Amino acid sequence: MNGATDDWASSQLQDKEILNLFKIVEQLNSEDEKMIKIFLDALVAKRKIQSLA
């Protein structure tokens, strides 16, 4: 992350562990980043669907 984005993310995220993990993910290769995005998207979609039931 760059300075401005990092500052914004730090001020918006309450869980600093998640912020640190995102910083690490950004340093992974693009295939790993893609896999993590797919996983997060699937988890969020699952929770949204569960909340509708």
C-alpha atoms as a PDB file:
ATOM      1  CA  MET A   1       0.000   0.000   0.000  1.00  0.00           C
ATOM      2  CA  ASN A   2       1.144   3.526  -0.520  1.00  0.00           C
ATOM      3  CA  GLY A   3       1.195   6.138   2.253  1.00  0.00           C
ATOM      4  CA  ALA A   4      -2.248   7.662   1.674  1.00  0.00           C
ATOM      5  CA  THR A   5      -3.949   4.307   1.146  1.00  0.00           C
ATOM      6  CA  ASP A   6      -2.191   2.829   4.163  1.00  0.00           C
ATOM      7  CA  ASP A   7      -3.300   5.749   6.348  1.00  0.00           C
ATOM      8  CA  TRP A   8      -6.878   5.461   5.111  1.00  0.00           C
ATOM      9  CA  ALA A   9      -6.960   1.690   5.646  1.00  0.00           C
ATOM     10  CA  SER A  10      -5.490   2.057   9.139  1.00  0.00           C
ATOM     11  CA  SER A  11      -8.167   4.575  10.061  1.00  0.00           C
ATOM     12  CA  GLN A  12     -11.005   2.445   8.621  1.00  0.00           C
ATOM     13  CA  LEU A  13     -10.115  -1.053   9.805  1.00  0.00           C
ATOM     14  CA  GLN A  14     -10.627  -1.800  13.462  1.00  0.00           C
ATOM     15  CA  ASP A  15      -8.826  -5.147  13.253  1.00  0.00           C
ATOM     16  CA  LYS A  16      -5.144  -4.344  12.777  1.00  0.00           C
ATOM     17  CA  GLU A  17      -4.304  -8.028  12.280  1.00  0.00           C
ATOM     18  CA  ILE A  18      -6.447  -8.064   9.142  1.00  0.00           C
ATOM     19  CA  LEU A  19      -4.719  -4.911   7.894  1.00  0.00           C
ATOM     20  CA  ASN A  20      -1.311  -6.507   8.437  1.00  0.00           C
ATOM     21  CA  LEU A  21      -2.417  -9.654   6.620  1.00  0.00           C
ATOM     22  CA  PHE A  22      -3.594  -7.581   3.647  1.00  0.00           C
ATOM     23  CA  LYS A  23      -0.185  -5.903   3.538  1.00  0.00           C
ATOM     24  CA  ILE A  24       1.473  -9.314   3.420  1.00  0.00           C
ATOM     25  CA  VAL A  25      -0.949 -10.554   0.754  1.00  0.00           C
ATOM     26  CA  GLU A  26       0.009  -7.613  -1.447  1.00  0.00           C
ATOM     27  CA  GLN A  27       3.554  -8.938  -1.498  1.00  0.00           C
ATOM     28  CA  LEU A  28       2.523 -12.409  -2.702  1.00  0.00           C
ATOM     29  CA  ASN A  29       2.559 -13.402  -6.344  1.00  0.00           C
ATOM     30  CA  SER A  30      -0.490 -12.541  -8.417  1.00  0.00           C
ATOM     31  CA  GLU A  31      -1.779 -16.130  -8.476  1.00  0.00           C
ATOM     32  CA  ASP A  32      -1.822 -16.279  -4.655  1.00  0.00           C
ATOM     33  CA  GLU A  33      -3.501 -12.866  -4.479  1.00  0.00           C
ATOM     34  CA  LYS A  34      -6.155 -14.062  -6.900  1.00  0.00           C
ATOM     35  CA  MET A  35      -6.768 -17.182  -4.807  1.00  0.00           C
ATOM     36  CA  ILE A  36      -7.206 -15.111  -1.639  1.00  0.00           C
ATOM     37  CA  LYS A  37      -9.630 -12.753  -3.390  1.00  0.00           C
ATOM     38  CA  ILE A  38     -11.677 -15.729  -4.597  1.00  0.00           C
ATOM     39  CA  PHE A  39     -11.750 -17.180  -1.077  1.00  0.00           C
ATOM     40  CA  LEU A  40     -12.804 -13.878   0.512  1.00  0.00           C
ATOM     41  CA  ASP A  41     -15.469 -13.310  -2.121  1.00  0.00           C
ATOM     42  CA  ALA A  42     -16.868 -16.813  -1.558  1.00  0.00           C
ATOM     43  CA  LEU A  43     -16.913 -16.364   2.219  1.00  0.00           C
ATOM     44  CA  VAL A  44     -18.710 -13.021   2.000  1.00  0.00           C
ATOM     45  CA  ALA A  45     -21.212 -14.429  -0.502  1.00  0.00           C
ATOM     46  CA  LYS A  46     -21.866 -17.430   1.757  1.00  0.00           C
ATOM     47  CA  ARG A  47     -22.522 -15.216   4.777  1.00  0.00           C
ATOM     48  CA  LYS A  48     -24.871 -12.984   2.773  1.00  0.00           C
ATOM     49  CA  ILE A  49     -26.817 -16.013   1.588  1.00  0.00           C
ATOM     50  CA  GLN A  50     -26.979 -17.405   5.126  1.00  0.00           C
ATOM     51  CA  SER A  51     -28.318 -14.103   6.416  1.00  0.00           C
ATOM     52  CA  LEU A  52     -31.206 -14.329   3.946  1.00  0.00           C
ATOM     53  CA  ALA A  53     -32.270 -17.757   5.207  1.00  0.00           C
END
